[in-house]
């Protein structure tokens, strides 16, 4: 059972609620049932939520599969913690008015690195 991965899945699940809830509240407040209605604040909230939802599930599947292949718990913790830091950094760094956000860059690159390492590791276990 991937018990270490489940810890990070739980943490990331709470973060998902934290990123989805503001988007839903804003959508209700603005009475925009679908899309962003041309509202830049809603678009930003939607992208924070969507980007999280695009990357986290697959990263967790990779990390969980490594745990099921008996990769050391310390390595699973390292990958899980990196993913949490990466996703929080990306959320905080995603701005509607600039691409020049160090936190966004760190979040995107650390997410990519986590997925890359987990992917290559998963392949290497079967070669």
C-alpha atoms as a PDB file:
ATOM      1  CA  UNK A   1       0.000   0.000   0.000  1.00  0.00           C
ATOM      2  CA  UNK A   2       1.445   3.425  -0.929  1.00  0.00           C
ATOM      3  CA  UNK A   3       1.191   4.935   2.557  1.00  0.00           C
ATOM      4  CA  UNK A   4       3.761   7.694   2.015  1.00  0.00           C
ATOM      5  CA  UNK A   5       2.143   8.760  -1.234  1.00  0.00           C
ATOM      6  CA  UNK A   6      -1.233   8.887   0.496  1.00  0.00           C
ATOM      7  CA  UNK A   7       0.184  11.474   2.914  1.00  0.00           C
ATOM      8  CA  UNK A   8       1.114  13.752   0.009  1.00  0.00           C
ATOM      9  CA  UNK A   9      -2.158  13.023  -1.782  1.00  0.00           C
ATOM     10  CA  UNK A  10      -3.969  14.206   1.342  1.00  0.00           C
ATOM     11  CA  UNK A  11      -1.899  17.375   1.599  1.00  0.00           C
ATOM     12  CA  UNK A  12      -2.335  18.109  -2.099  1.00  0.00           C
ATOM     13  CA  UNK A  13      -6.059  17.391  -1.818  1.00  0.00           C
ATOM     14  CA  UNK A  14      -6.355  20.119   0.810  1.00  0.00           C
ATOM     15  CA  UNK A  15      -4.393  22.495  -1.402  1.00  0.00           C
ATOM     16  CA  UNK A  16      -6.734  21.638  -4.283  1.00  0.00           C
ATOM     17  CA  UNK A  17      -9.715  22.643  -2.159  1.00  0.00           C
ATOM     18  CA  UNK A  18      -7.864  25.831  -1.243  1.00  0.00           C
ATOM     19  CA  UNK A  19      -7.314  26.709  -4.898  1.00  0.00           C
ATOM     20  CA  UNK A  20     -10.722  25.573  -6.205  1.00  0.00           C
ATOM     21  CA  UNK A  21     -12.829  27.271  -3.527  1.00  0.00           C
ATOM     22  CA  UNK A  22     -11.838  30.869  -4.382  1.00  0.00           C
ATOM     23  CA  UNK A  23     -12.580  30.217  -8.057  1.00  0.00           C
ATOM     24  CA  UNK A  24     -16.023  28.867  -7.186  1.00  0.00           C
ATOM     25  CA  UNK A  25     -16.793  31.722  -4.822  1.00  0.00           C
ATOM     26  CA  UNK A  26     -15.773  34.299  -7.397  1.00  0.00           C
ATOM     27  CA  UNK A  27     -17.792  32.530 -10.081  1.00  0.00           C
ATOM     28  CA  UNK A  28     -20.880  32.685  -7.861  1.00  0.00           C
ATOM     29  CA  UNK A  29     -20.282  36.290  -6.834  1.00  0.00           C
ATOM     30  CA  UNK A  30     -19.921  37.357 -10.476  1.00  0.00           C
ATOM     31  CA  UNK A  31     -22.808  35.093 -11.600  1.00  0.00           C
ATOM     32  CA  UNK A  32     -20.720  33.531 -14.361  1.00  0.00           C
ATOM     33  CA  UNK A  33     -21.907  29.923 -14.732  1.00  0.00           C
ATOM     34  CA  UNK A  34     -19.385  28.811 -17.410  1.00  0.00           C
ATOM     35  CA  UNK A  35     -16.066  30.176 -18.603  1.00  0.00           C
ATOM     36  CA  UNK A  36     -14.514  33.352 -17.263  1.00  0.00           C
ATOM     37  CA  UNK A  37     -17.015  35.851 -18.645  1.00  0.00           C
ATOM     38  CA  UNK A  38     -14.112  38.075 -19.638  1.00  0.00           C
ATOM     39  CA  UNK A  39     -13.224  38.648 -15.979  1.00  0.00           C
ATOM     40  CA  UNK A  40      -9.435  38.583 -15.482  1.00  0.00           C
ATOM     41  CA  UNK A  41      -9.686  37.712 -11.761  1.00  0.00           C
ATOM     42  CA  UNK A  42     -11.870  34.709 -12.508  1.00  0.00           C
ATOM     43  CA  UNK A  43      -9.593  33.642 -15.349  1.00  0.00           C
ATOM     44  CA  UNK A  44      -6.594  33.763 -12.999  1.00  0.00           C
ATOM     45  CA  UNK A  45      -8.436  31.753 -10.334  1.00  0.00           C
ATOM     46  CA  UNK A  46      -9.487  29.230 -12.973  1.00  0.00           C
ATOM     47  CA  UNK A  47      -5.914  28.851 -14.285  1.00  0.00           C
ATOM     48  CA  UNK A  48      -4.536  28.342 -10.778  1.00  0.00           C
ATOM     49  CA  UNK A  49      -7.060  25.582 -10.246  1.00  0.00           C
ATOM     50  CA  UNK A  50      -6.708  24.040 -13.709  1.00  0.00           C
ATOM     51  CA  UNK A  51      -2.907  24.011 -13.699  1.00  0.00           C
ATOM     52  CA  UNK A  52      -2.936  22.260 -10.337  1.00  0.00           C
ATOM     53  CA  UNK A  53      -5.484  19.733 -11.582  1.00  0.00           C
ATOM     54  CA  UNK A  54      -3.474  19.143 -14.767  1.00  0.00           C
ATOM     55  CA  UNK A  55      -0.193  18.243 -13.078  1.00  0.00           C
ATOM     56  CA  UNK A  56      -0.878  16.807  -9.636  1.00  0.00           C
ATOM     57  CA  UNK A  57      -2.830  13.622 -10.460  1.00  0.00           C
ATOM     58  CA  UNK A  58      -0.245  12.241 -12.862  1.00  0.00           C
ATOM     59  CA  UNK A  59       2.637  13.193 -10.566  1.00  0.00           C
ATOM     60  CA  UNK A  60       0.940  11.346  -7.710  1.00  0.00           C
ATOM     61  CA  UNK A  61       0.370   8.299  -9.910  1.00  0.00           C
ATOM     62  CA  UNK A  62       4.082   8.236 -10.740  1.00  0.00           C
ATOM     63  CA  UNK A  63       5.140   8.700  -7.112  1.00  0.00           C
ATOM     64  CA  UNK A  64       2.657   6.073  -5.946  1.00  0.00           C
ATOM     65  CA  UNK A  65       3.847   3.617  -8.561  1.00  0.00           C
ATOM     66  CA  UNK A  66       7.417   4.086  -7.365  1.00  0.00           C
ATOM     67  CA  UNK A  67       6.325   3.399  -3.816  1.00  0.00           C
ATOM     68  CA  UNK A  68       4.526   0.245  -4.960  1.00  0.00           C
ATOM     69  CA  UNK A  69       7.821  -0.799  -6.602  1.00  0.00           C
ATOM     70  CA  UNK A  70       9.457  -0.532  -3.162  1.00  0.00           C
ATOM     71  CA  UNK A  71      11.497   2.614  -3.744  1.00  0.00           C
ATOM     72  CA  UNK A  72      12.839   3.815  -0.399  1.00  0.00           C
ATOM     73  CA  UNK A  73      10.398   5.878   1.672  1.00  0.00           C
ATOM     74  CA  UNK A  74      12.906   8.748   1.926  1.00  0.00           C
ATOM     75  CA  UNK A  75      12.892   9.101  -1.864  1.00  0.00           C
ATOM     76  CA  UNK A  76       9.096   9.025  -1.948  1.00  0.00           C
ATOM     77  CA  UNK A  77       9.017  11.724   0.741  1.00  0.00           C
ATOM     78  CA  UNK A  78      11.488  13.803  -1.275  1.00  0.00           C
ATOM     79  CA  UNK A  79       9.368  13.571  -4.417  1.00  0.00           C
ATOM     80  CA  UNK A  80       6.138  14.249  -2.525  1.00  0.00           C
ATOM     81  CA  UNK A  81       7.563  17.210  -0.636  1.00  0.00           C
ATOM     82  CA  UNK A  82       9.034  18.639  -3.835  1.00  0.00           C
ATOM     83  CA  UNK A  83       5.628  18.386  -5.494  1.00  0.00           C
ATOM     84  CA  UNK A  84       3.912  20.163  -2.585  1.00  0.00           C
ATOM     85  CA  UNK A  85       6.491  22.973  -2.579  1.00  0.00           C
ATOM     86  CA  UNK A  86       6.328  23.237  -6.362  1.00  0.00           C
ATOM     87  CA  UNK A  87       2.559  23.477  -6.513  1.00  0.00           C
ATOM     88  CA  UNK A  88       2.331  26.022  -3.670  1.00  0.00           C
ATOM     89  CA  UNK A  89       5.050  28.097  -5.304  1.00  0.00           C
ATOM     90  CA  UNK A  90       3.266  28.012  -8.648  1.00  0.00           C
ATOM     91  CA  UNK A  91      -0.074  29.023  -7.105  1.00  0.00           C
ATOM     92  CA  UNK A  92       1.513  31.944  -5.270  1.00  0.00           C
ATOM     93  CA  UNK A  93       3.581  32.994  -8.269  1.00  0.00           C
ATOM     94  CA  UNK A  94       0.873  32.837 -10.941  1.00  0.00           C
ATOM     95  CA  UNK A  95       0.001  36.471 -11.602  1.00  0.00           C
ATOM     96  CA  UNK A  96      -2.369  37.947 -14.126  1.00  0.00           C
ATOM     97  CA  UNK A  97      -0.142  40.855 -15.069  1.00  0.00           C
ATOM     98  CA  UNK A  98       3.342  39.366 -15.529  1.00  0.00           C
ATOM     99  CA  UNK A  99       5.256  36.273 -16.523  1.00  0.00           C
ATOM    100  CA  UNK A 100       8.266  37.495 -14.529  1.00  0.00           C
ATOM    101  CA  UNK A 101       7.454  35.796 -11.259  1.00  0.00           C
ATOM    102  CA  UNK A 102      10.259  33.825  -9.611  1.00  0.00           C
ATOM    103  CA  UNK A 103       7.768  31.758  -7.611  1.00  0.00           C
ATOM    104  CA  UNK A 104       5.909  30.764 -10.764  1.00  0.00           C
ATOM    105  CA  UNK A 105       9.144  29.750 -12.461  1.00  0.00           C
ATOM    106  CA  UNK A 106      10.304  27.762  -9.428  1.00  0.00           C
ATOM    107  CA  UNK A 107       6.916  26.081  -9.177  1.00  0.00           C
ATOM    108  CA  UNK A 108       6.764  25.157 -12.846  1.00  0.00           C
ATOM    109  CA  UNK A 109      10.364  23.938 -13.022  1.00  0.00           C
ATOM    110  CA  UNK A 110      10.203  21.978  -9.767  1.00  0.00           C
ATOM    111  CA  UNK A 111       6.956  20.317 -10.884  1.00  0.00           C
ATOM    112  CA  UNK A 112       8.541  19.421 -14.209  1.00  0.00           C
ATOM    113  CA  UNK A 113      11.656  18.103 -12.481  1.00  0.00           C
ATOM    114  CA  UNK A 114       9.596  15.994 -10.069  1.00  0.00           C
ATOM    115  CA  UNK A 115       7.617  14.442 -12.924  1.00  0.00           C
ATOM    116  CA  UNK A 116      10.785  13.934 -14.973  1.00  0.00           C
ATOM    117  CA  UNK A 117      12.665  12.215 -12.138  1.00  0.00           C
ATOM    118  CA  UNK A 118       9.697  10.021 -11.234  1.00  0.00           C
ATOM    119  CA  UNK A 119       9.121   9.115 -14.898  1.00  0.00           C
ATOM    120  CA  UNK A 120      12.724   8.174 -15.601  1.00  0.00           C
ATOM    121  CA  UNK A 121      12.944   6.280 -12.318  1.00  0.00           C
ATOM    122  CA  UNK A 122       9.779   4.324 -13.132  1.00  0.00           C
ATOM    123  CA  UNK A 123      11.171   3.386 -16.536  1.00  0.00           C
ATOM    124  CA  UNK A 124      14.586   2.476 -15.083  1.00  0.00           C
ATOM    125  CA  UNK A 125      12.979   0.060 -12.639  1.00  0.00           C
ATOM    126  CA  UNK A 126      11.726  -1.970 -15.583  1.00  0.00           C
ATOM    127  CA  UNK A 127      14.728  -1.920 -17.893  1.00  0.00           C
END
